[in-house]
Protein backbone atom coordinates (compact mmCIF):
# COMPACT_ATOMS: atom_id res chain seq x y z
CA LEU A 1 8.95 22.58 7.46
CA LEU A 2 7.11 19.61 5.92
CA GLU A 3 9.89 17.03 5.74
CA PRO A 4 9.42 15.70 9.30
CA TYR A 5 5.82 14.78 8.47
CA LEU A 6 6.55 12.82 5.30
CA GLU A 7 6.56 9.07 5.38
CA PRO A 8 9.09 7.22 3.20
CA PRO A 9 9.34 6.92 0.27
CA ALA A 10 7.68 10.35 -0.10
CA GLU A 11 9.97 13.28 -0.77
CA LEU A 12 9.55 16.94 -1.58
CA VAL A 13 10.76 18.34 -4.90
CA TYR A 14 11.58 22.03 -4.99
CA PRO A 15 11.90 24.28 -8.03
CA ASP A 16 15.34 25.37 -9.16
CA GLU A 17 16.57 28.77 -8.01
CA THR A 18 15.42 30.63 -11.15
CA THR A 19 11.94 29.11 -10.99
CA GLN A 20 11.66 29.78 -7.26
CA HIS A 21 12.59 33.40 -7.91
CA ARG A 22 9.79 33.62 -10.49
CA VAL A 23 7.31 32.09 -8.02
CA GLN A 24 8.38 34.70 -5.45
CA GLN A 25 7.77 37.45 -8.02
CA ILE A 26 4.30 36.05 -8.70
CA ILE A 27 3.57 36.04 -4.96
CA GLU A 28 4.69 39.66 -4.63
CA LEU A 29 2.50 40.67 -7.58
CA LEU A 30 -0.46 38.86 -6.00
CA LYS A 31 0.03 40.97 -2.89
CA ILE A 32 0.03 44.16 -4.94
CA GLU A 33 -2.40 43.44 -7.78
CA GLY A 34 -4.53 40.59 -6.52
CA SER A 35 -5.35 37.64 -8.74
CA GLY A 36 -5.86 37.97 -12.45
CA PRO A 37 -5.47 36.00 -15.68
CA PRO A 38 -1.86 37.10 -16.37
CA LEU A 39 -0.67 35.83 -12.97
CA VAL A 40 -2.71 32.64 -13.27
CA ASP A 41 -1.18 32.01 -16.70
CA GLU A 42 2.29 32.71 -15.34
CA LEU A 43 1.84 30.28 -12.45
CA ASP A 44 0.33 27.68 -14.81
CA GLY A 45 3.53 27.97 -16.84
CA VAL A 46 5.72 27.50 -13.78
CA LEU A 47 3.72 24.46 -12.64
CA GLY A 48 3.82 22.95 -16.11
CA ALA A 49 7.59 23.25 -16.42
CA GLY A 50 10.00 20.34 -16.41
CA TRP A 51 11.09 20.68 -12.79
CA CYS A 52 7.84 19.11 -11.61
CA ALA A 53 7.22 16.67 -14.45
CA ASP A 54 7.72 13.58 -12.30
CA VAL A 55 5.90 14.64 -9.14
CA ASP A 56 2.69 13.02 -7.90
CA ALA A 57 1.12 16.25 -6.59
CA ILE A 58 1.84 19.95 -6.41
CA LEU A 59 1.68 21.70 -3.04
CA LEU A 60 1.00 25.44 -3.06
CA GLY A 61 2.69 26.16 0.25
CA CYS A 62 2.40 29.96 0.28
CA THR A 63 -0.90 31.34 1.50
CA GLU A 64 -0.94 34.05 -1.19
CA LEU A 65 -1.12 31.35 -3.86
CA HIS A 66 -4.56 30.50 -2.48
CA LEU A 67 -5.80 33.57 -4.36
CA VAL A 68 -5.27 31.81 -7.70
CA ALA A 69 -5.45 28.14 -6.74
CA SER A 70 -9.01 27.61 -7.96
CA SER A 71 -8.22 29.35 -11.28
CA LEU A 72 -5.25 27.19 -12.25
CA THR A 73 -5.59 24.93 -15.26
CA PRO A 74 -6.43 21.40 -14.07
CA THR A 75 -3.70 18.81 -14.62
CA GLU A 76 -3.45 15.08 -14.05
CA ARG A 77 -1.59 15.86 -10.81
CA PRO A 78 -3.60 17.18 -7.88
CA VAL A 79 -2.79 20.73 -6.81
CA ILE A 80 -2.99 20.99 -3.03
CA ASP A 81 -3.69 24.45 -1.65
CA ALA A 82 -2.07 24.58 1.80
CA ALA A 83 -4.30 27.47 2.92
CA THR A 84 -7.44 25.45 2.23
CA VAL A 85 -6.02 22.35 3.91
CA LEU A 86 -5.05 24.43 6.95
CA ALA A 87 -8.48 26.07 7.18
CA ASP A 88 -10.20 22.68 6.92
CA ALA A 89 -7.96 21.26 9.65
CA VAL A 90 -8.57 24.20 11.98
CA ILE A 91 -12.34 23.91 11.58
CA ARG A 92 -12.22 20.13 12.06
CA GLU A 93 -10.08 20.50 15.19
CA ALA A 94 -12.27 23.27 16.57
CA CYS A 95 -15.36 21.11 16.12
CA THR A 96 -13.80 18.10 17.83
CA GLN A 97 -12.49 20.20 20.72
CA SER A 98 -15.79 22.07 21.23
CA LEU A 99 -14.01 25.34 20.64
CA PHE A 100 -17.06 26.92 19.09
CA PHE A 101 -19.13 28.62 21.75
CA SER A 102 -21.73 31.32 21.87
CA PRO A 103 -20.76 34.75 23.21
CA VAL A 104 -23.60 34.52 25.75
CA SER A 105 -22.36 31.24 27.20
CA ALA A 106 -18.91 32.75 27.56
CA GLY A 107 -20.20 35.77 29.45
CA ILE A 108 -19.32 38.17 26.64
CA GLN A 109 -22.91 39.37 26.14
CA GLU A 110 -23.28 40.30 29.78
CA ALA A 111 -19.95 42.12 29.82
CA ARG A 112 -21.05 44.31 26.91
CA THR A 113 -24.44 45.13 28.39
CA PRO A 114 -24.34 48.21 30.67
């Protein structure tokens, strides 16, 4: 999904299959249990593992990981929360396109008034 938007020499590094399976388990637990210290610690462990030792930044691409992003242990590498980046971009685009409007100016108020 992201590869077409990368400019050389940037490249994405993915976890190995075992690590990816553990990340998927964490995501499923987040859906069931919500965020909590055990899941934050587990994800911290995954992000501190050798598979990402040489990366410049860590991208949390799954929106469920947003639930724990702010609780992760800070590292020297930035952790980018895709859900936050997406929300910021949507708001920025909406503001530049004048997509925010009042219900009255759109005729919604009048339509709801008998």
